């Protein structure tokens, strides 16, 4: 085989690799955008819809459930302390006391001395993590609702935002570059952050920087082209898995349910019923706590051990 023929075959092979890489880059760019759009738009919109329809009911139910648990635990601790005081060997049974002494024992002076503030502190510490979880969930719902209100006021058109972000991905996403530098990675992540924040001005600004930048390194030899092609194929496979995981998980899986008006109304009615039930239960258990406090002169937040 002559040298010109070898050169021609080598050039054809390199051209074939370049075409293959261009094709793979387009596929990967499309999948990278799909993942980010799913996370930052589709799933966020589903979360917002869910929060608007059910969020307030759910965190109110959880709030009452936590109050019930804390109140029951308070009653449990109070009863233990009352029983402990009643078991004092110096306290005689009513059968062994005269009538006047029984009356005296029923007064505030002779009631068991219980440190109510100590019990309250214990309860707060015991349920600290659950309280924090509830606060976090409540804050999350409130943030989603507030962001929804702001988006309604802005009435943004996201078509331009999506188109610009697609271009940023094609030009400088680290997975689409042969050997990305830290500067190139930072440029892309700036565009990603602007897209997540839905900040069109910032995204346009970053796009301008990307357009002025020249990619530092590209494949030159057949070996480098092959290595780059393999990298792209692996990243496409990984993206397929990421996208699959998103559409198989919440909140994406709630989309179909949220579009079914009949099911949504039925579920909301169930939540309203549950809310009324836990509210009644809390009122009942809190009333019992009030009775115990009154019976033992603990109606106020007082440290009776200091009396």
Protein backbone atom coordinates (compact mmCIF):
# COMPACT_ATOMS: atom_id res chain seq x y z
CA UNK A 1 0.00 0.00 0.00
CA UNK A 2 1.41 3.36 -1.02
CA UNK A 3 1.89 6.25 1.40
CA UNK A 4 -0.84 8.46 -0.19
CA UNK A 5 -3.34 5.60 0.19
CA UNK A 6 -2.42 5.21 3.88
CA UNK A 7 -2.83 8.94 4.37
CA UNK A 8 -6.22 8.93 2.68
CA UNK A 9 -7.48 6.05 4.84
CA UNK A 10 -6.17 7.75 7.97
CA UNK A 11 -7.93 10.99 7.06
CA UNK A 12 -11.15 9.13 6.34
CA UNK A 13 -10.92 7.38 9.72
CA UNK A 14 -10.32 10.70 11.51
CA UNK A 15 -13.21 12.32 9.65
CA UNK A 16 -15.41 9.40 10.62
CA UNK A 17 -14.43 9.81 14.29
CA UNK A 18 -15.12 13.56 14.15
CA UNK A 19 -18.56 12.97 12.66
CA UNK A 20 -19.30 10.31 15.26
CA UNK A 21 -18.21 12.64 18.07
CA UNK A 22 -20.35 15.50 16.72
CA UNK A 23 -23.36 13.17 16.66
CA UNK A 24 -22.71 11.90 20.20
CA UNK A 25 -22.24 15.46 21.49
CA UNK A 26 -25.64 16.47 20.14
CA UNK A 27 -27.29 13.48 21.81
CA UNK A 28 -25.53 14.14 25.12
CA UNK A 29 -26.29 17.89 25.02
CA UNK A 30 -29.96 17.11 24.53
CA UNK A 31 -29.98 14.68 27.47
CA UNK A 32 -28.07 17.09 29.73
CA UNK A 33 -30.64 19.80 29.05
CA UNK A 34 -33.50 17.34 29.57
CA UNK A 35 -32.18 16.42 33.02
CA UNK A 36 -31.72 20.02 34.14
CA UNK A 37 -35.12 21.03 32.77
CA UNK A 38 -36.79 18.11 34.53
CA UNK A 39 -35.20 19.07 37.85
CA UNK A 40 -35.51 22.85 37.68
CA UNK A 41 -38.82 23.26 35.85
CA UNK A 42 -40.97 20.15 35.48
CA UNK A 43 -40.35 18.75 38.97
CA UNK A 44 -40.47 22.19 40.60
CA UNK A 45 -43.82 22.88 38.96
CA UNK A 46 -45.14 19.52 40.20
CA UNK A 47 -43.87 20.31 43.73
CA UNK A 48 -45.54 23.72 43.58
CA UNK A 49 -48.83 22.25 42.39
CA UNK A 50 -48.73 19.64 45.17
CA UNK A 51 -47.88 22.24 47.83
CA UNK A 52 -50.68 24.56 46.70
CA UNK A 53 -53.23 21.76 46.75
CA UNK A 54 -52.20 19.85 49.89
CA UNK A 55 -49.18 21.46 51.59
CA UNK A 56 -50.99 23.53 54.22
CA UNK A 57 -53.24 20.63 55.24
CA UNK A 58 -50.33 18.21 55.55
CA UNK A 59 -48.08 20.38 57.68
CA UNK A 60 -51.04 21.38 59.90
CA UNK A 61 -51.82 17.70 60.45
CA UNK A 62 -48.18 17.00 61.31
CA UNK A 63 -48.14 20.03 63.60
CA UNK A 64 -51.11 18.69 65.58
CA UNK A 65 -49.63 15.19 65.67
CA UNK A 66 -46.45 16.56 67.21
CA UNK A 67 -48.43 18.61 69.74
CA UNK A 68 -50.36 15.46 70.71
CA UNK A 69 -47.14 13.49 71.19
CA UNK A 70 -45.59 16.24 73.30
CA UNK A 71 -48.74 16.64 75.41
CA UNK A 72 -49.05 12.89 76.01
CA UNK A 73 -45.41 12.75 77.02
CA UNK A 74 -45.91 15.70 79.37
CA UNK A 75 -48.84 13.90 81.02
CA UNK A 76 -46.74 10.75 81.34
CA UNK A 77 -43.90 12.59 83.05
CA UNK A 78 -46.30 14.49 85.31
CA UNK A 79 -48.02 11.29 86.43
CA UNK A 80 -44.68 9.67 87.19
CA UNK A 81 -43.61 12.60 89.34
CA UNK A 82 -46.99 12.73 91.10
CA UNK A 83 -46.82 8.99 91.81
CA UNK A 84 -43.29 9.39 93.09
CA UNK A 85 -44.35 12.16 95.46
CA UNK A 86 -47.38 10.20 96.57
CA UNK A 87 -45.18 7.23 97.42
CA UNK A 88 -43.32 9.32 100.05
CA UNK A 89 -43.19 7.21 103.22
CA UNK A 90 -44.01 10.27 105.33
CA UNK A 91 -47.37 10.67 103.54
CA UNK A 92 -50.04 8.60 105.21
CA UNK A 93 -53.11 7.19 103.49
CA UNK A 94 -56.35 9.15 103.92
CA UNK A 95 -57.82 6.31 106.04
CA UNK A 96 -55.14 6.96 108.66
CA UNK A 97 -55.73 10.73 108.81
CA UNK A 98 -58.25 12.87 110.61
CA UNK A 99 -60.79 14.83 108.57
CA UNK A 100 -59.01 18.17 109.06
CA UNK A 101 -55.69 16.70 107.96
CA UNK A 102 -57.30 15.34 104.77
CA UNK A 103 -58.58 18.84 103.96
CA UNK A 104 -55.12 20.28 104.57
CA UNK A 105 -53.58 17.69 102.25
CA UNK A 106 -55.86 18.89 99.47
CA UNK A 107 -54.58 22.45 99.70
CA UNK A 108 -51.83 23.96 97.52
CA UNK A 109 -49.36 23.88 100.39
CA UNK A 110 -49.51 20.13 100.72
CA UNK A 111 -49.63 19.24 97.03
CA UNK A 112 -46.68 17.40 95.44
CA UNK A 113 -43.91 19.88 94.60
CA UNK A 114 -43.27 19.47 90.85
CA UNK A 115 -40.85 21.47 88.74
CA UNK A 116 -43.04 22.24 85.73
CA UNK A 117 -40.41 24.26 83.89
CA UNK A 118 -38.04 21.30 84.16
CA UNK A 119 -40.62 19.04 82.52
CA UNK A 120 -41.20 21.57 79.75
CA UNK A 121 -37.46 21.83 79.06
CA UNK A 122 -37.20 18.05 78.97
CA UNK A 123 -40.05 17.85 76.46
CA UNK A 124 -38.47 20.50 74.23
CA UNK A 125 -35.16 18.62 74.19
CA UNK A 126 -36.81 15.24 73.63
CA UNK A 127 -38.75 16.46 70.59
CA UNK A 128 -36.13 18.89 69.27
CA UNK A 129 -35.39 16.90 66.10
CA UNK A 130 -39.07 16.35 65.25
CA UNK A 131 -39.74 20.05 65.87
CA UNK A 132 -36.90 20.96 63.50
CA UNK A 133 -38.21 18.57 60.83
CA UNK A 134 -41.65 20.15 61.09
CA UNK A 135 -40.22 23.67 60.89
CA UNK A 136 -38.16 22.68 57.82
CA UNK A 137 -41.18 21.15 56.08
CA UNK A 138 -43.32 24.17 56.91
CA UNK A 139 -40.65 26.56 55.63
CA UNK A 140 -40.29 24.53 52.42
CA UNK A 141 -44.03 24.72 51.71
CA UNK A 142 -44.10 28.46 52.48
CA UNK A 143 -41.12 29.11 50.19
CA UNK A 144 -42.74 27.18 47.34
CA UNK A 145 -45.98 29.13 47.74
CA UNK A 146 -44.11 32.45 47.92
CA UNK A 147 -42.06 31.63 44.81
CA UNK A 148 -45.27 30.74 43.01
CA UNK A 149 -46.77 34.13 43.90
CA UNK A 150 -43.63 35.91 42.68
CA UNK A 151 -43.62 33.98 39.40
CA UNK A 152 -47.25 34.98 38.80
CA UNK A 153 -46.33 38.62 39.30
CA UNK A 154 -43.35 38.40 36.93
CA UNK A 155 -45.20 36.46 34.19
CA UNK A 156 -41.89 35.26 32.75
CA UNK A 157 -41.54 33.65 29.34
CA UNK A 158 -38.98 30.87 29.76
CA UNK A 159 -38.55 30.07 26.07
CA UNK A 160 -35.55 32.40 25.72
CA UNK A 161 -34.06 31.18 29.00
CA UNK A 162 -34.24 27.55 27.80
CA UNK A 163 -32.78 28.33 24.37
CA UNK A 164 -29.81 30.25 25.79
CA UNK A 165 -29.10 27.55 28.37
CA UNK A 166 -29.15 24.88 25.64
CA UNK A 167 -26.45 26.85 23.80
CA UNK A 168 -24.38 27.17 26.97
CA UNK A 169 -24.55 23.39 27.41
CA UNK A 170 -23.52 22.72 23.80
CA UNK A 171 -20.56 25.06 23.96
CA UNK A 172 -19.02 24.52 27.36
CA UNK A 173 -20.59 21.72 29.43
CA UNK A 174 -17.63 19.82 30.98
CA UNK A 175 -19.04 16.47 29.80
CA UNK A 176 -18.94 17.74 26.21
CA UNK A 177 -15.33 18.96 26.33
CA UNK A 178 -12.26 16.80 25.74
CA UNK A 179 -10.31 18.04 28.75
CA UNK A 180 -12.19 20.92 30.45
CA UNK A 181 -10.22 23.44 32.47
CA UNK A 182 -11.37 24.76 35.85
CA UNK A 183 -12.17 28.10 34.17
CA UNK A 184 -14.40 26.38 31.61
CA UNK A 185 -16.12 24.39 34.36
CA UNK A 186 -16.76 27.58 36.33
CA UNK A 187 -18.17 29.29 33.25
CA UNK A 188 -20.65 26.49 32.74
CA UNK A 189 -21.68 26.27 36.40
CA UNK A 190 -22.34 30.02 36.38
CA UNK A 191 -24.79 29.46 33.53
CA UNK A 192 -26.31 26.49 35.35
CA UNK A 193 -26.84 28.56 38.49
CA UNK A 194 -28.46 31.38 36.49
CA UNK A 195 -30.75 28.84 34.83
CA UNK A 196 -31.74 27.33 38.19
CA UNK A 197 -32.48 30.83 39.52
CA UNK A 198 -34.37 31.65 36.30
CA UNK A 199 -32.22 34.76 35.99
CA UNK A 200 -32.26 35.65 32.29
CA UNK A 201 -29.97 38.69 32.61
CA UNK A 202 -27.28 36.71 34.42
CA UNK A 203 -27.57 33.86 31.94
CA UNK A 204 -27.15 36.23 28.98
CA UNK A 205 -24.11 37.77 30.67
CA UNK A 206 -22.55 34.35 31.17
CA UNK A 207 -23.39 33.34 27.60
CA UNK A 208 -21.45 36.37 26.33
CA UNK A 209 -18.38 35.26 28.31
CA UNK A 210 -18.75 31.73 26.94
CA UNK A 211 -18.99 33.02 23.37
CA UNK A 212 -15.76 35.03 23.81
CA UNK A 213 -13.88 32.07 25.25
CA UNK A 214 -11.79 29.78 23.06
CA UNK A 215 -11.77 26.12 24.10
CA UNK A 216 -8.30 25.38 25.46
CA UNK A 217 -7.85 21.79 24.32
CA UNK A 218 -9.36 19.56 21.64
CA UNK A 219 -8.41 16.04 20.49
CA UNK A 220 -5.71 15.89 17.81
CA UNK A 221 -4.67 12.27 17.32
CA UNK A 222 -6.81 9.25 16.46
CA UNK A 223 -6.17 7.89 19.96
CA UNK A 224 -7.45 11.11 21.55
CA UNK A 225 -10.54 11.11 19.33
CA UNK A 226 -11.26 7.50 20.33
CA UNK A 227 -10.81 8.34 24.00
CA UNK A 228 -13.15 11.32 23.66
CA UNK A 229 -15.76 9.20 21.82
CA UNK A 230 -15.67 6.60 24.62
CA UNK A 231 -16.09 9.34 27.21
CA UNK A 232 -19.17 10.68 25.42
CA UNK A 233 -20.72 7.22 25.13
CA UNK A 234 -20.23 6.62 28.87
CA UNK A 235 -21.74 10.02 29.75
CA UNK A 236 -24.78 9.35 27.53
CA UNK A 237 -25.33 6.08 29.37
CA UNK A 238 -25.02 7.83 32.74
CA UNK A 239 -27.47 10.55 31.69
CA UNK A 240 -30.01 7.95 30.62
CA UNK A 241 -29.82 6.47 34.11
CA UNK A 242 -30.17 9.89 35.77
CA UNK A 243 -33.21 10.80 33.68
CA UNK A 244 -34.77 7.39 34.29
CA UNK A 245 -34.29 7.81 38.04
CA UNK A 246 -35.98 11.23 37.99
CA UNK A 247 -39.08 10.05 36.12
CA UNK A 248 -39.42 7.02 38.40
CA UNK A 249 -39.29 9.10 41.59
CA UNK A 250 -41.26 11.82 43.34
CA UNK A 251 -42.22 14.49 42.56
CA UNK A 252 -42.37 13.44 38.88
CA UNK A 253 -44.51 10.37 39.61
CA UNK A 254 -47.14 12.63 41.23
CA UNK A 255 -47.82 14.43 37.96
CA UNK A 256 -50.50 12.04 36.69
CA UNK A 257 -52.30 12.07 40.05
CA UNK A 258 -52.32 15.88 40.21
CA UNK A 259 -53.98 16.07 36.80
CA UNK A 260 -56.87 13.87 37.99
CA UNK A 261 -59.37 16.36 39.47
CA UNK A 262 -61.52 13.64 41.02
CA UNK A 263 -58.59 12.03 42.85
CA UNK A 264 -57.23 15.42 43.95
CA UNK A 265 -60.57 16.45 45.45
CA UNK A 266 -60.99 13.08 47.17
CA UNK A 267 -57.48 13.26 48.68
CA UNK A 268 -58.03 16.85 49.83
CA UNK A 269 -61.29 15.85 51.54
CA UNK A 270 -59.43 13.07 53.31
CA UNK A 271 -56.82 15.53 54.54
CA UNK A 272 -59.51 17.91 55.81
CA UNK A 273 -61.13 15.03 57.72
CA UNK A 274 -57.76 13.99 59.18
CA UNK A 275 -57.03 17.57 60.20
CA UNK A 276 -60.34 17.84 62.06
CA UNK A 277 -59.69 14.50 63.80
CA UNK A 278 -56.20 15.40 65.04
CA UNK A 279 -57.45 18.83 66.10
CA UNK A 280 -60.19 17.20 68.22
CA UNK A 281 -57.71 14.73 69.66
CA UNK A 282 -55.33 17.53 70.62
CA UNK A 283 -58.12 19.52 72.29
CA UNK A 284 -59.10 16.40 74.25
CA UNK A 285 -55.57 15.51 75.38
CA UNK A 286 -54.74 19.14 76.18
CA UNK A 287 -57.88 19.36 78.28
CA UNK A 288 -56.69 16.32 80.23
CA UNK A 289 -53.31 17.99 80.81
CA UNK A 290 -55.12 21.10 82.07
CA UNK A 291 -57.11 18.99 84.51
CA UNK A 292 -53.98 17.33 85.90
CA UNK A 293 -52.31 20.73 86.32
CA UNK A 294 -55.37 22.11 88.06
CA UNK A 295 -55.67 19.11 90.38
CA UNK A 296 -52.04 19.57 91.37
CA UNK A 297 -51.90 23.38 91.32
CA UNK A 298 -49.79 23.40 88.18
CA UNK A 299 -52.03 25.59 86.06
CA UNK A 300 -49.21 28.07 85.46
CA UNK A 301 -45.61 27.76 84.35
CA UNK A 302 -44.24 27.87 87.89
CA UNK A 303 -41.24 26.26 89.49
CA UNK A 304 -43.00 25.02 92.63
CA UNK A 305 -39.80 23.62 94.17
CA UNK A 306 -38.80 27.23 94.97
CA UNK A 307 -41.90 28.01 96.96
